[in-house]
Amino acid sequence: VNFGRFDAVVSSLLFHLMSEKDIIETLE
């Protein structure tokens, strides 16, 4: 995903299902 295309990025009940590595990489 090209996150820079969007004014805002939101998520609900997603990150706790991901590995710590994937959470960090996605947020970064």
mmCIF file of all heavy atoms, coordinates in Angstrom:
data_MODEL
# 
_entry.id   MODEL 
# 
loop_
_atom_site.group_PDB 
_atom_site.id 
_atom_site.type_symbol 
_atom_site.label_atom_id 
_atom_site.label_alt_id 
_atom_site.label_comp_id 
_atom_site.label_asym_id 
_atom_site.label_entity_id 
_atom_site.label_seq_id 
_atom_site.pdbx_PDB_ins_code 
_atom_site.Cartn_x 
_atom_site.Cartn_y 
_atom_site.Cartn_z 
_atom_site.occupancy 
_atom_site.B_iso_or_equiv 
_atom_site.pdbx_formal_charge 
_atom_site.auth_seq_id 
_atom_site.auth_comp_id 
_atom_site.auth_asym_id 
_atom_site.auth_atom_id 
_atom_site.pdbx_PDB_model_num 
ATOM 1   N N   . VAL A 1 1  ? 0.831   -1.199  0.000  1.00 0.00 ? 1  VAL A N   1 
ATOM 2   C CA  . VAL A 1 1  ? 0.000   0.000   0.000  1.00 0.00 ? 1  VAL A CA  1 
ATOM 3   C C   . VAL A 1 1  ? 0.869   1.254   0.000  1.00 0.00 ? 1  VAL A C   1 
ATOM 4   O O   . VAL A 1 1  ? 1.858   1.336   0.721  1.00 0.00 ? 1  VAL A O   1 
ATOM 5   C CB  . VAL A 1 1  ? -0.923  0.016   1.237  1.00 0.00 ? 1  VAL A CB  1 
ATOM 6   C CG1 . VAL A 1 1  ? -1.707  1.318   1.299  1.00 0.00 ? 1  VAL A CG1 1 
ATOM 7   C CG2 . VAL A 1 1  ? -1.873  -1.179  1.205  1.00 0.00 ? 1  VAL A CG2 1 
ATOM 8   N N   . ASN A 1 2  ? 0.472   2.233   -0.794 1.00 0.00 ? 2  ASN A N   1 
ATOM 9   C CA  . ASN A 1 2  ? 1.115   3.549   -0.787 1.00 0.00 ? 2  ASN A CA  1 
ATOM 10  C C   . ASN A 1 2  ? 0.362   4.437   0.208  1.00 0.00 ? 2  ASN A C   1 
ATOM 11  O O   . ASN A 1 2  ? -0.598  5.116   -0.150 1.00 0.00 ? 2  ASN A O   1 
ATOM 12  C CB  . ASN A 1 2  ? 1.091   4.160   -2.188 1.00 0.00 ? 2  ASN A CB  1 
ATOM 13  C CG  . ASN A 1 2  ? 1.708   5.548   -2.217 1.00 0.00 ? 2  ASN A CG  1 
ATOM 14  O OD1 . ASN A 1 2  ? 2.278   6.021   -1.237 1.00 0.00 ? 2  ASN A OD1 1 
ATOM 15  N ND2 . ASN A 1 2  ? 1.596   6.216   -3.359 1.00 0.00 ? 2  ASN A ND2 1 
ATOM 16  N N   . PHE A 1 3  ? 0.785   4.414   1.470  1.00 0.00 ? 3  PHE A N   1 
ATOM 17  C CA  . PHE A 1 3  ? 0.058   5.120   2.518  1.00 0.00 ? 3  PHE A CA  1 
ATOM 18  C C   . PHE A 1 3  ? 0.035   6.626   2.307  1.00 0.00 ? 3  PHE A C   1 
ATOM 19  O O   . PHE A 1 3  ? -0.876  7.313   2.764  1.00 0.00 ? 3  PHE A O   1 
ATOM 20  C CB  . PHE A 1 3  ? 0.675   4.798   3.881  1.00 0.00 ? 3  PHE A CB  1 
ATOM 21  C CG  . PHE A 1 3  ? 0.580   3.350   4.261  1.00 0.00 ? 3  PHE A CG  1 
ATOM 22  C CD1 . PHE A 1 3  ? 1.709   2.546   4.268  1.00 0.00 ? 3  PHE A CD1 1 
ATOM 23  C CD2 . PHE A 1 3  ? -0.628  2.789   4.615  1.00 0.00 ? 3  PHE A CD2 1 
ATOM 24  C CE1 . PHE A 1 3  ? 1.634   1.208   4.624  1.00 0.00 ? 3  PHE A CE1 1 
ATOM 25  C CE2 . PHE A 1 3  ? -0.725  1.450   4.973  1.00 0.00 ? 3  PHE A CE2 1 
ATOM 26  C CZ  . PHE A 1 3  ? 0.413   0.659   4.972  1.00 0.00 ? 3  PHE A CZ  1 
ATOM 27  N N   . GLY A 1 4  ? 1.036   7.152   1.622  1.00 0.00 ? 4  GLY A N   1 
ATOM 28  C CA  . GLY A 1 4  ? 1.135   8.588   1.431  1.00 0.00 ? 4  GLY A CA  1 
ATOM 29  C C   . GLY A 1 4  ? 0.031   9.186   0.585  1.00 0.00 ? 4  GLY A C   1 
ATOM 30  O O   . GLY A 1 4  ? -0.135  10.403  0.544  1.00 0.00 ? 4  GLY A O   1 
ATOM 31  N N   . ARG A 1 5  ? -0.752  8.348   -0.083 1.00 0.00 ? 5  ARG A N   1 
ATOM 32  C CA  . ARG A 1 5  ? -1.852  8.836   -0.910 1.00 0.00 ? 5  ARG A CA  1 
ATOM 33  C C   . ARG A 1 5  ? -3.033  9.308   -0.069 1.00 0.00 ? 5  ARG A C   1 
ATOM 34  O O   . ARG A 1 5  ? -3.943  9.968   -0.580 1.00 0.00 ? 5  ARG A O   1 
ATOM 35  C CB  . ARG A 1 5  ? -2.353  7.725   -1.833 1.00 0.00 ? 5  ARG A CB  1 
ATOM 36  C CG  . ARG A 1 5  ? -1.378  7.257   -2.889 1.00 0.00 ? 5  ARG A CG  1 
ATOM 37  C CD  . ARG A 1 5  ? -1.920  6.015   -3.584 1.00 0.00 ? 5  ARG A CD  1 
ATOM 38  N NE  . ARG A 1 5  ? -3.331  6.171   -3.946 1.00 0.00 ? 5  ARG A NE  1 
ATOM 39  C CZ  . ARG A 1 5  ? -4.203  5.166   -4.062 1.00 0.00 ? 5  ARG A CZ  1 
ATOM 40  N NH1 . ARG A 1 5  ? -3.818  3.938   -3.826 1.00 0.00 ? 5  ARG A NH1 1 
ATOM 41  N NH2 . ARG A 1 5  ? -5.448  5.400   -4.414 1.00 0.00 ? 5  ARG A NH2 1 
ATOM 42  N N   . PHE A 1 6  ? -3.046  8.991   1.223  1.00 0.00 ? 6  PHE A N   1 
ATOM 43  C CA  . PHE A 1 6  ? -4.238  9.196   2.038  1.00 0.00 ? 6  PHE A CA  1 
ATOM 44  C C   . PHE A 1 6  ? -4.039  10.275  3.099  1.00 0.00 ? 6  PHE A C   1 
ATOM 45  O O   . PHE A 1 6  ? -2.957  10.411  3.665  1.00 0.00 ? 6  PHE A O   1 
ATOM 46  C CB  . PHE A 1 6  ? -4.627  7.872   2.713  1.00 0.00 ? 6  PHE A CB  1 
ATOM 47  C CG  . PHE A 1 6  ? -4.904  6.758   1.741  1.00 0.00 ? 6  PHE A CG  1 
ATOM 48  C CD1 . PHE A 1 6  ? -3.898  5.866   1.389  1.00 0.00 ? 6  PHE A CD1 1 
ATOM 49  C CD2 . PHE A 1 6  ? -6.150  6.630   1.150  1.00 0.00 ? 6  PHE A CD2 1 
ATOM 50  C CE1 . PHE A 1 6  ? -4.139  4.846   0.479  1.00 0.00 ? 6  PHE A CE1 1 
ATOM 51  C CE2 . PHE A 1 6  ? -6.398  5.620   0.240  1.00 0.00 ? 6  PHE A CE2 1 
ATOM 52  C CZ  . PHE A 1 6  ? -5.396  4.726   -0.104 1.00 0.00 ? 6  PHE A CZ  1 
ATOM 53  N N   . ASP A 1 7  ? -5.120  11.007  3.369  1.00 0.00 ? 7  ASP A N   1 
ATOM 54  C CA  . ASP A 1 7  ? -5.086  12.004  4.436  1.00 0.00 ? 7  ASP A CA  1 
ATOM 55  C C   . ASP A 1 7  ? -4.984  11.331  5.798  1.00 0.00 ? 7  ASP A C   1 
ATOM 56  O O   . ASP A 1 7  ? -4.370  11.867  6.724  1.00 0.00 ? 7  ASP A O   1 
ATOM 57  C CB  . ASP A 1 7  ? -6.364  12.854  4.418  1.00 0.00 ? 7  ASP A CB  1 
ATOM 58  C CG  . ASP A 1 7  ? -6.482  13.688  3.160  1.00 0.00 ? 7  ASP A CG  1 
ATOM 59  O OD1 . ASP A 1 7  ? -5.445  14.085  2.611  1.00 0.00 ? 7  ASP A OD1 1 
ATOM 60  O OD2 . ASP A 1 7  ? -7.623  13.932  2.725  1.00 0.00 ? 7  ASP A OD2 1 
ATOM 61  N N   . ALA A 1 8  ? -5.630  10.170  5.927  1.00 0.00 ? 8  ALA A N   1 
ATOM 62  C CA  . ALA A 1 8  ? -5.670  9.482   7.217  1.00 0.00 ? 8  ALA A CA  1 
ATOM 63  C C   . ALA A 1 8  ? -5.639  7.977   7.008  1.00 0.00 ? 8  ALA A C   1 
ATOM 64  O O   . ALA A 1 8  ? -6.169  7.460   6.025  1.00 0.00 ? 8  ALA A O   1 
ATOM 65  C CB  . ALA A 1 8  ? -6.931  9.875   7.989  1.00 0.00 ? 8  ALA A CB  1 
ATOM 66  N N   . VAL A 1 9  ? -5.025  7.281   7.959  1.00 0.00 ? 9  VAL A N   1 
ATOM 67  C CA  . VAL A 1 9  ? -5.001  5.823   7.992  1.00 0.00 ? 9  VAL A CA  1 
ATOM 68  C C   . VAL A 1 9  ? -5.574  5.395   9.333  1.00 0.00 ? 9  VAL A C   1 
ATOM 69  O O   . VAL A 1 9  ? -5.162  5.898   10.382 1.00 0.00 ? 9  VAL A O   1 
ATOM 70  C CB  . VAL A 1 9  ? -3.572  5.264   7.829  1.00 0.00 ? 9  VAL A CB  1 
ATOM 71  C CG1 . VAL A 1 9  ? -3.573  3.744   7.921  1.00 0.00 ? 9  VAL A CG1 1 
ATOM 72  C CG2 . VAL A 1 9  ? -2.971  5.715   6.495  1.00 0.00 ? 9  VAL A CG2 1 
ATOM 73  N N   . VAL A 1 10 ? -6.538  4.463   9.314  1.00 0.00 ? 10 VAL A N   1 
ATOM 74  C CA  . VAL A 1 10 ? -7.171  4.010   10.545 1.00 0.00 ? 10 VAL A CA  1 
ATOM 75  C C   . VAL A 1 10 ? -7.163  2.485   10.599 1.00 0.00 ? 10 VAL A C   1 
ATOM 76  O O   . VAL A 1 10 ? -7.070  1.810   9.567  1.00 0.00 ? 10 VAL A O   1 
ATOM 77  C CB  . VAL A 1 10 ? -8.629  4.524   10.658 1.00 0.00 ? 10 VAL A CB  1 
ATOM 78  C CG1 . VAL A 1 10 ? -8.665  6.040   10.603 1.00 0.00 ? 10 VAL A CG1 1 
ATOM 79  C CG2 . VAL A 1 10 ? -9.515  3.921   9.559  1.00 0.00 ? 10 VAL A CG2 1 
ATOM 80  N N   . SER A 1 11 ? -7.272  1.954   11.805 1.00 0.00 ? 11 SER A N   1 
ATOM 81  C CA  . SER A 1 11 ? -7.408  0.505   11.955 1.00 0.00 ? 11 SER A CA  1 
ATOM 82  C C   . SER A 1 11 ? -8.162  0.208   13.240 1.00 0.00 ? 11 SER A C   1 
ATOM 83  O O   . SER A 1 11 ? -8.099  0.970   14.210 1.00 0.00 ? 11 SER A O   1 
ATOM 84  C CB  . SER A 1 11 ? -6.050  -0.191  11.968 1.00 0.00 ? 11 SER A CB  1 
ATOM 85  O OG  . SER A 1 11 ? -5.406  -0.004  13.208 1.00 0.00 ? 11 SER A OG  1 
ATOM 86  N N   . SER A 1 12 ? -8.891  -0.900  13.221 1.00 0.00 ? 12 SER A N   1 
ATOM 87  C CA  . SER A 1 12 ? -9.675  -1.323  14.376 1.00 0.00 ? 12 SER A CA  1 
ATOM 88  C C   . SER A 1 12 ? -9.460  -2.812  14.624 1.00 0.00 ? 12 SER A C   1 
ATOM 89  O O   . SER A 1 12 ? -9.752  -3.641  13.754 1.00 0.00 ? 12 SER A O   1 
ATOM 90  C CB  . SER A 1 12 ? -11.167 -1.044  14.120 1.00 0.00 ? 12 SER A CB  1 
ATOM 91  O OG  . SER A 1 12 ? -11.976 -1.659  15.087 1.00 0.00 ? 12 SER A OG  1 
ATOM 92  N N   . LEU A 1 13 ? -8.929  -3.139  15.782 1.00 0.00 ? 13 LEU A N   1 
ATOM 93  C CA  . LEU A 1 13 ? -8.743  -4.536  16.210 1.00 0.00 ? 13 LEU A CA  1 
ATOM 94  C C   . LEU A 1 13 ? -7.946  -5.341  15.192 1.00 0.00 ? 13 LEU A C   1 
ATOM 95  O O   . LEU A 1 13 ? -8.289  -6.478  14.868 1.00 0.00 ? 13 LEU A O   1 
ATOM 96  C CB  . LEU A 1 13 ? -10.108 -5.197  16.462 1.00 0.00 ? 13 LEU A CB  1 
ATOM 97  C CG  . LEU A 1 13 ? -10.996 -4.491  17.485 1.00 0.00 ? 13 LEU A CG  1 
ATOM 98  C CD1 . LEU A 1 13 ? -12.303 -5.243  17.666 1.00 0.00 ? 13 LEU A CD1 1 
ATOM 99  C CD2 . LEU A 1 13 ? -10.281 -4.334  18.818 1.00 0.00 ? 13 LEU A CD2 1 
ATOM 100 N N   . LEU A 1 14 ? -6.876  -4.746  14.711 1.00 0.00 ? 14 LEU A N   1 
ATOM 101 C CA  . LEU A 1 14 ? -6.023  -5.399  13.723 1.00 0.00 ? 14 LEU A CA  1 
ATOM 102 C C   . LEU A 1 14 ? -4.652  -5.758  14.287 1.00 0.00 ? 14 LEU A C   1 
ATOM 103 O O   . LEU A 1 14 ? -4.204  -6.903  14.197 1.00 0.00 ? 14 LEU A O   1 
ATOM 104 C CB  . LEU A 1 14 ? -5.845  -4.493  12.499 1.00 0.00 ? 14 LEU A CB  1 
ATOM 105 C CG  . LEU A 1 14 ? -4.729  -4.900  11.528 1.00 0.00 ? 14 LEU A CG  1 
ATOM 106 C CD1 . LEU A 1 14 ? -5.112  -6.198  10.813 1.00 0.00 ? 14 LEU A CD1 1 
ATOM 107 C CD2 . LEU A 1 14 ? -4.439  -3.788  10.533 1.00 0.00 ? 14 LEU A CD2 1 
ATOM 108 N N   . PHE A 1 15 ? -3.961  -4.774  14.849 1.00 0.00 ? 15 PHE A N   1 
ATOM 109 C CA  . PHE A 1 15 ? -2.545  -4.943  15.153 1.00 0.00 ? 15 PHE A CA  1 
ATOM 110 C C   . PHE A 1 15 ? -2.277  -6.055  16.174 1.00 0.00 ? 15 PHE A C   1 
ATOM 111 O O   . PHE A 1 15 ? -1.233  -6.703  16.115 1.00 0.00 ? 15 PHE A O   1 
ATOM 112 C CB  . PHE A 1 15 ? -1.937  -3.632  15.641 1.00 0.00 ? 15 PHE A CB  1 
ATOM 113 C CG  . PHE A 1 15 ? -1.731  -2.638  14.540 1.00 0.00 ? 15 PHE A CG  1 
ATOM 114 C CD1 . PHE A 1 15 ? -2.356  -1.398  14.565 1.00 0.00 ? 15 PHE A CD1 1 
ATOM 115 C CD2 . PHE A 1 15 ? -0.913  -2.936  13.461 1.00 0.00 ? 15 PHE A CD2 1 
ATOM 116 C CE1 . PHE A 1 15 ? -2.156  -0.481  13.541 1.00 0.00 ? 15 PHE A CE1 1 
ATOM 117 C CE2 . PHE A 1 15 ? -0.721  -2.026  12.430 1.00 0.00 ? 15 PHE A CE2 1 
ATOM 118 C CZ  . PHE A 1 15 ? -1.344  -0.798  12.474 1.00 0.00 ? 15 PHE A CZ  1 
ATOM 119 N N   . HIS A 1 16 ? -3.204  -6.297  17.095 1.00 0.00 ? 16 HIS A N   1 
ATOM 120 C CA  . HIS A 1 16 ? -2.945  -7.346  18.100 1.00 0.00 ? 16 HIS A CA  1 
ATOM 121 C C   . HIS A 1 16 ? -2.936  -8.735  17.474 1.00 0.00 ? 16 HIS A C   1 
ATOM 122 O O   . HIS A 1 16 ? -2.481  -9.691  18.102 1.00 0.00 ? 16 HIS A O   1 
ATOM 123 C CB  . HIS A 1 16 ? -3.970  -7.275  19.234 1.00 0.00 ? 16 HIS A CB  1 
ATOM 124 C CG  . HIS A 1 16 ? -5.329  -7.788  18.882 1.00 0.00 ? 16 HIS A CG  1 
ATOM 125 N ND1 . HIS A 1 16 ? -6.239  -7.053  18.160 1.00 0.00 ? 16 HIS A ND1 1 
ATOM 126 C CD2 . HIS A 1 16 ? -5.926  -8.981  19.149 1.00 0.00 ? 16 HIS A CD2 1 
ATOM 127 C CE1 . HIS A 1 16 ? -7.339  -7.755  17.996 1.00 0.00 ? 16 HIS A CE1 1 
ATOM 128 N NE2 . HIS A 1 16 ? -7.184  -8.931  18.584 1.00 0.00 ? 16 HIS A NE2 1 
ATOM 129 N N   . LEU A 1 17 ? -3.417  -8.854  16.233 1.00 0.00 ? 17 LEU A N   1 
ATOM 130 C CA  . LEU A 1 17 ? -3.406  -10.134 15.528 1.00 0.00 ? 17 LEU A CA  1 
ATOM 131 C C   . LEU A 1 17 ? -2.118  -10.340 14.734 1.00 0.00 ? 17 LEU A C   1 
ATOM 132 O O   . LEU A 1 17 ? -1.892  -11.427 14.206 1.00 0.00 ? 17 LEU A O   1 
ATOM 133 C CB  . LEU A 1 17 ? -4.603  -10.219 14.574 1.00 0.00 ? 17 LEU A CB  1 
ATOM 134 C CG  . LEU A 1 17 ? -5.989  -10.118 15.209 1.00 0.00 ? 17 LEU A CG  1 
ATOM 135 C CD1 . LEU A 1 17 ? -7.069  -10.070 14.131 1.00 0.00 ? 17 LEU A CD1 1 
ATOM 136 C CD2 . LEU A 1 17 ? -6.235  -11.285 16.169 1.00 0.00 ? 17 LEU A CD2 1 
ATOM 137 N N   . MET A 1 18 ? -1.290  -9.313  14.648 1.00 0.00 ? 18 MET A N   1 
ATOM 138 C CA  . MET A 1 18 ? -0.071  -9.362  13.854 1.00 0.00 ? 18 MET A CA  1 
ATOM 139 C C   . MET A 1 18 ? 1.140   -9.643  14.747 1.00 0.00 ? 18 MET A C   1 
ATOM 140 O O   . MET A 1 18 ? 1.093   -9.427  15.953 1.00 0.00 ? 18 MET A O   1 
ATOM 141 C CB  . MET A 1 18 ? 0.119   -8.035  13.106 1.00 0.00 ? 18 MET A CB  1 
ATOM 142 C CG  . MET A 1 18 ? -1.010  -7.712  12.123 1.00 0.00 ? 18 MET A CG  1 
ATOM 143 S SD  . MET A 1 18 ? -1.016  -5.987  11.550 1.00 0.00 ? 18 MET A SD  1 
ATOM 144 C CE  . MET A 1 18 ? 0.597   -5.843  10.784 1.00 0.00 ? 18 MET A CE  1 
ATOM 145 N N   . SER A 1 19 ? 2.216   -10.087 14.129 1.00 0.00 ? 19 SER A N   1 
ATOM 146 C CA  . SER A 1 19 ? 3.455   -10.264 14.883 1.00 0.00 ? 19 SER A CA  1 
ATOM 147 C C   . SER A 1 19 ? 4.041   -8.895  15.209 1.00 0.00 ? 19 SER A C   1 
ATOM 148 O O   . SER A 1 19 ? 3.752   -7.902  14.533 1.00 0.00 ? 19 SER A O   1 
ATOM 149 C CB  . SER A 1 19 ? 4.461   -11.070 14.061 1.00 0.00 ? 19 SER A CB  1 
ATOM 150 O OG  . SER A 1 19 ? 4.937   -10.311 12.962 1.00 0.00 ? 19 SER A OG  1 
ATOM 151 N N   . GLU A 1 20 ? 4.869   -8.847  16.239 1.00 0.00 ? 20 GLU A N   1 
ATOM 152 C CA  . GLU A 1 20 ? 5.496   -7.571  16.615 1.00 0.00 ? 20 GLU A CA  1 
ATOM 153 C C   . GLU A 1 20 ? 6.311   -7.010  15.456 1.00 0.00 ? 20 GLU A C   1 
ATOM 154 O O   . GLU A 1 20 ? 6.282   -5.795  15.196 1.00 0.00 ? 20 GLU A O   1 
ATOM 155 C CB  . GLU A 1 20 ? 6.389   -7.760  17.840 1.00 0.00 ? 20 GLU A CB  1 
ATOM 156 C CG  . GLU A 1 20 ? 7.053   -6.476  18.308 1.00 0.00 ? 20 GLU A CG  1 
ATOM 157 C CD  . GLU A 1 20 ? 7.808   -6.655  19.612 1.00 0.00 ? 20 GLU A CD  1 
ATOM 158 O OE1 . GLU A 1 20 ? 7.420   -7.519  20.418 1.00 0.00 ? 20 GLU A OE1 1 
ATOM 159 O OE2 . GLU A 1 20 ? 8.797   -5.921  19.815 1.00 0.00 ? 20 GLU A OE2 1 
ATOM 160 N N   . LYS A 1 21 ? 7.009   -7.871  14.740 1.00 0.00 ? 21 LYS A N   1 
ATOM 161 C CA  . LYS A 1 21 ? 7.810   -7.436  13.595 1.00 0.00 ? 21 LYS A CA  1 
ATOM 162 C C   . LYS A 1 21 ? 6.927   -6.773  12.532 1.00 0.00 ? 21 LYS A C   1 
ATOM 163 O O   . LYS A 1 21 ? 7.261   -5.697  12.018 1.00 0.00 ? 21 LYS A O   1 
ATOM 164 C CB  . LYS A 1 21 ? 8.543   -8.632  12.993 1.00 0.00 ? 21 LYS A CB  1 
ATOM 165 C CG  . LYS A 1 21 ? 9.358   -8.322  11.738 1.00 0.00 ? 21 LYS A CG  1 
ATOM 166 C CD  . LYS A 1 21 ? 10.103  -9.568  11.274 1.00 0.00 ? 21 LYS A CD  1 
ATOM 167 C CE  . LYS A 1 21 ? 10.884  -9.324  9.986  1.00 0.00 ? 21 LYS A CE  1 
ATOM 168 N NZ  . LYS A 1 21 ? 9.994   -9.093  8.832  1.00 0.00 ? 21 LYS A NZ  1 
ATOM 169 N N   . ASP A 1 22 ? 5.779   -7.385  12.237 1.00 0.00 ? 22 ASP A N   1 
ATOM 170 C CA  . ASP A 1 22 ? 4.884   -6.837  11.216 1.00 0.00 ? 22 ASP A CA  1 
ATOM 171 C C   . ASP A 1 22 ? 4.217   -5.543  11.683 1.00 0.00 ? 22 ASP A C   1 
ATOM 172 O O   . ASP A 1 22 ? 3.996   -4.632  10.886 1.00 0.00 ? 22 ASP A O   1 
ATOM 173 C CB  . ASP A 1 22 ? 3.826   -7.864  10.831 1.00 0.00 ? 22 ASP A CB  1 
ATOM 174 C CG  . ASP A 1 22 ? 4.390   -9.006  9.999  1.00 0.00 ? 22 ASP A CG  1 
ATOM 175 O OD1 . ASP A 1 22 ? 5.491   -8.841  9.442  1.00 0.00 ? 22 ASP A OD1 1 
ATOM 176 O OD2 . ASP A 1 22 ? 3.730   -10.060 9.909  1.00 0.00 ? 22 ASP A OD2 1 
ATOM 177 N N   . ILE A 1 23 ? 3.900   -5.476  12.977 1.00 0.00 ? 23 ILE A N   1 
ATOM 178 C CA  . ILE A 1 23 ? 3.314   -4.241  13.513 1.00 0.00 ? 23 ILE A CA  1 
ATOM 179 C C   . ILE A 1 23 ? 4.297   -3.087  13.334 1.00 0.00 ? 23 ILE A C   1 
ATOM 180 O O   . ILE A 1 23 ? 3.948   -2.009  12.828 1.00 0.00 ? 23 ILE A O   1 
ATOM 181 C CB  . ILE A 1 23 ? 2.967   -4.391  15.007 1.00 0.00 ? 23 ILE A CB  1 
ATOM 182 C CG1 . ILE A 1 23 ? 1.880   -5.435  15.210 1.00 0.00 ? 23 ILE A CG1 1 
ATOM 183 C CG2 . ILE A 1 23 ? 2.496   -3.041  15.577 1.00 0.00 ? 23 ILE A CG2 1 
ATOM 184 C CD1 . ILE A 1 23 ? 1.640   -5.779  16.675 1.00 0.00 ? 23 ILE A CD1 1 
ATOM 185 N N   . ILE A 1 24 ? 5.535   -3.305  13.758 1.00 0.00 ? 24 ILE A N   1 
ATOM 186 C CA  . ILE A 1 24 ? 6.548   -2.249  13.684 1.00 0.00 ? 24 ILE A CA  1 
ATOM 187 C C   . ILE A 1 24 ? 6.790   -1.832  12.241 1.00 0.00 ? 24 ILE A C   1 
ATOM 188 O O   . ILE A 1 24 ? 6.830   -0.634  11.924 1.00 0.00 ? 24 ILE A O   1 
ATOM 189 C CB  . ILE A 1 24 ? 7.858   -2.715  14.342 1.00 0.00 ? 24 ILE A CB  1 
ATOM 190 C CG1 . ILE A 1 24 ? 7.642   -2.899  15.853 1.00 0.00 ? 24 ILE A CG1 1 
ATOM 191 C CG2 . ILE A 1 24 ? 8.991   -1.722  14.078 1.00 0.00 ? 24 ILE A CG2 1 
ATOM 192 C CD1 . ILE A 1 24 ? 8.809   -3.534  16.571 1.00 0.00 ? 24 ILE A CD1 1 
ATOM 193 N N   . GLU A 1 25 ? 6.932   -2.800  11.346 1.00 0.00 ? 25 GLU A N   1 
ATOM 194 C CA  . GLU A 1 25 ? 7.189   -2.491  9.940  1.00 0.00 ? 25 GLU A CA  1 
ATOM 195 C C   . GLU A 1 25 ? 6.030   -1.709  9.324  1.00 0.00 ? 25 GLU A C   1 
ATOM 196 O O   . GLU A 1 25 ? 6.242   -0.754  8.567  1.00 0.00 ? 25 GLU A O   1 
ATOM 197 C CB  . GLU A 1 25 ? 7.434   -3.770  9.153  1.00 0.00 ? 25 GLU A CB  1 
ATOM 198 C CG  . GLU A 1 25 ? 8.785   -4.418  9.448  1.00 0.00 ? 25 GLU A CG  1 
ATOM 199 C CD  . GLU A 1 25 ? 9.021   -5.686  8.649  1.00 0.00 ? 25 GLU A CD  1 
ATOM 200 O OE1 . GLU A 1 25 ? 8.082   -6.134  7.937  1.00 0.00 ? 25 GLU A OE1 1 
ATOM 201 O OE2 . GLU A 1 25 ? 10.138  -6.240  8.728  1.00 0.00 ? 25 GLU A OE2 1 
ATOM 202 N N   . THR A 1 26 ? 4.797   -2.098  9.661  1.00 0.00 ? 26 THR A N   1 
ATOM 203 C CA  . THR A 1 26 ? 3.633   -1.404  9.114  1.00 0.00 ? 26 THR A CA  1 
ATOM 204 C C   . THR A 1 26 ? 3.544   0.016   9.637  1.00 0.00 ? 26 THR A C   1 
ATOM 205 O O   . THR A 1 26 ? 3.340   0.971   8.873  1.00 0.00 ? 26 THR A O   1 
ATOM 206 C CB  . THR A 1 26 ? 2.343   -2.172  9.453  1.00 0.00 ? 26 THR A CB  1 
ATOM 207 O OG1 . THR A 1 26 ? 2.414   -3.494  8.910  1.00 0.00 ? 26 THR A OG1 1 
ATOM 208 C CG2 . THR A 1 26 ? 1.124   -1.466  8.866  1.00 0.00 ? 26 THR A CG2 1 
ATOM 209 N N   . LEU A 1 27 ? 3.702   0.184   10.960 1.00 0.00 ? 27 LEU A N   1 
ATOM 210 C CA  . LEU A 1 27 ? 3.635   1.530   11.531 1.00 0.00 ? 27 LEU A CA  1 
ATOM 211 C C   . LEU A 1 27 ? 4.751   2.421   10.994 1.00 0.00 ? 27 LEU A C   1 
ATOM 212 O O   . LEU A 1 27 ? 4.517   3.597   10.662 1.00 0.00 ? 27 LEU A O   1 
ATOM 213 C CB  . LEU A 1 27 ? 3.716   1.451   13.054 1.00 0.00 ? 27 LEU A CB  1 
ATOM 214 C CG  . LEU A 1 27 ? 2.475   0.903   13.769 1.00 0.00 ? 27 LEU A CG  1 
ATOM 215 C CD1 . LEU A 1 27 ? 2.757   0.726   15.254 1.00 0.00 ? 27 LEU A CD1 1 
ATOM 216 C CD2 . LEU A 1 27 ? 1.274   1.820   13.562 1.00 0.00 ? 27 LEU A CD2 1 
ATOM 217 N N   . GLU A 1 28 ? 5.953   1.880   10.888 1.00 0.00 ? 28 GLU A N   1 
ATOM 218 C CA  . GLU A 1 28 ? 7.070   2.672   10.358 1.00 0.00 ? 28 GLU A CA  1 
ATOM 219 C C   . GLU A 1 28 ? 6.786   3.124   8.931  1.00 0.00 ? 28 GLU A C   1 
ATOM 220 O O   . GLU A 1 28 ? 7.064   4.267   8.562  1.00 0.00 ? 28 GLU A O   1 
ATOM 221 C CB  . GLU A 1 28 ? 8.362   1.850   10.407 1.00 0.00 ? 28 GLU A CB  1 
ATOM 222 C CG  . GLU A 1 28 ? 8.946   1.654   11.795 1.00 0.00 ? 28 GLU A CG  1 
ATOM 223 C CD  . GLU A 1 28 ? 9.648   2.900   12.320 1.00 0.00 ? 28 GLU A CD  1 
ATOM 224 O OE1 . GLU A 1 28 ? 9.685   3.921   11.614 1.00 0.00 ? 28 GLU A OE1 1 
ATOM 225 O OE2 . GLU A 1 28 ? 10.163  2.846   13.457 1.00 0.00 ? 28 GLU A OE2 1 
# 
